[in-house]
Amino acid sequence: MNTSVATANPTSVTLDGGFFARRTWGDWLFALLVLAGALFAFQRYHASMDVYEKWILAGTAPVLIGLGWFWRPLRTLMLVVAGLSLLAVVSYGGDLRRADSVFWLKYFLSSQSAILWMSMIFFMSTVFYWLGMFSRGQSEALEGIGSKLLWVAVTLALVGTLVRWYEGHQMGPDIGHIPVSNLYEVFVMFCWMTALFYLYYESQYRTRAMGAFVMLVVSAAVGFLLWYTLVREAHEIQPLIPALQSWWMKLHVPANFIGYGTFALAAMLGFAYLIKQQAEETRWYKLAPIWVFGIALCFVPIAFRQRGVGEAGGSYWLGYALVAALIVGTILLGRRRIAARLPSFEVLDDVMYKSIAVGFAFFTIATVLGALWAAEAWGGYWSWDPKETWALIVWLNYAAWLHMRLMKGLRGTVASWWALAGLAVTTFAFIGVNMFLSGLHSYGSL
């Protein structure tokens, strides 16, 4: 890996200085643009910020610079997202009614248009990744298209999020807020975060075959997002309820969803590991990973209909179940071909471990921030609210996984099953608590 870095950046061979000495002119130009953007935002909007928001803005600039230096594709992503978002803001000109008359706002850059495009392109990316999985001669080309589409979907998700933020503030000072406050907004965030982490691992390990599995969980999230939009009109921007009117939300929620996204990514790679391991198995009871995955997929529409939330939307959940059955059948029949295309067991295991390690770190930060927020809002750090209790269960689950990995050398089959079970625990903490339980966090209910 060091060789490739040196080849891509010849100055790193001759400069024997520190980290900053190895920066190229492109790195410094990117840093200058980020700082200029932060200064412009501060100069224009500082009167509307409290002291905490000013500190968050000040801290965001070096974080973005560091991320752009760490992984260079992020620089292009940030600049494209910033350019398209600014184009949307300029096109609005302070009048949201222009969304119906300006072509690129109406069809591409308004928040809802961008997020609908994001949804469609995530589905398209999933299809191309799976076509690449089964293609005999064009696997690399098809997976390459899937990867490029994934970048486009992430770009549109971020543009939709930023433009939605602007639209909210244009609707009124008591309405505008960072779009991480309800299920619609956090599902968008879950989709692009999970996809972006996957794209990083895809580039680091130089394999796109993992994308077919990771995109299943992203597409499932998009499916929920579209249903939620259809039957709840969740895309409409609403004022924040008093419990969420806090600067803590701007830190707690994104940190939480880095955890959710990377845990989901790890689970799907664990599933891929088990499929690769059982590829030659012919006894049906030995193909438990596929059956368990299929049962879990079918449980989702059953659970929603049981709670009454699935009745709205007509046959949507029936269609969901049919698609889930098709996916499970395809994996079952094509498991040998899938196993041949997947990277080695070592790569799958390593990416699974790194994803859980990153997710656990951010989930820990989110839990601490949540406790501090609770102390400010409710007068206590911990109240054993159902959401808090299940967050603790998630944390303990992955703490135990990492302990067994680092202390006992946990690998392979058990680690994969555990990661897959962890997704069920995490999903219940995220959605199930909102559906079946109530408490102080019931403002996130369906």
Foldseek 3Di string as FASTA:
>chain_A
DVVVVCVVQVVVVVDPDDDVSSDDPVLVVLLVVLVVVLVVCCVVCVVVDDPVVNVVSVVVSVVQSVVCVVPVVSSVLVVLLVVLLVVLVVQCVLPPVCCVVDVCSVQDQALVNLLVLLLVLLVVLLVLLVCLLPDDPCNVVSLVVSLVSLSSSLSSLSSSQSNVLVVQVSVDVQQHDRQQQALLSLLSVLLNLLSVLVSVLCVVVVASNLVNQSSVVSNVSSLVNVLCCVQVVVVDGGGHDPLPPDPLSVQLRSLLSLLLSLLSSLLSLLLLLLLLVCVPPDDPVSSVSLVVQLVVQLVVLVLCVVLVNNPPPPCSSVVSNVVSVVVSVCCVVCSNSSSVRDDDQVSSFVSSLVSLVSSLVSLVVSLQSCLVSCCVRPVGSDDVWVLNVLSVVLNVLSVVLVCCCVPVVDGGNVSNVSSNVSSVSVCCSVQVCLRPHDGPPVVRHD
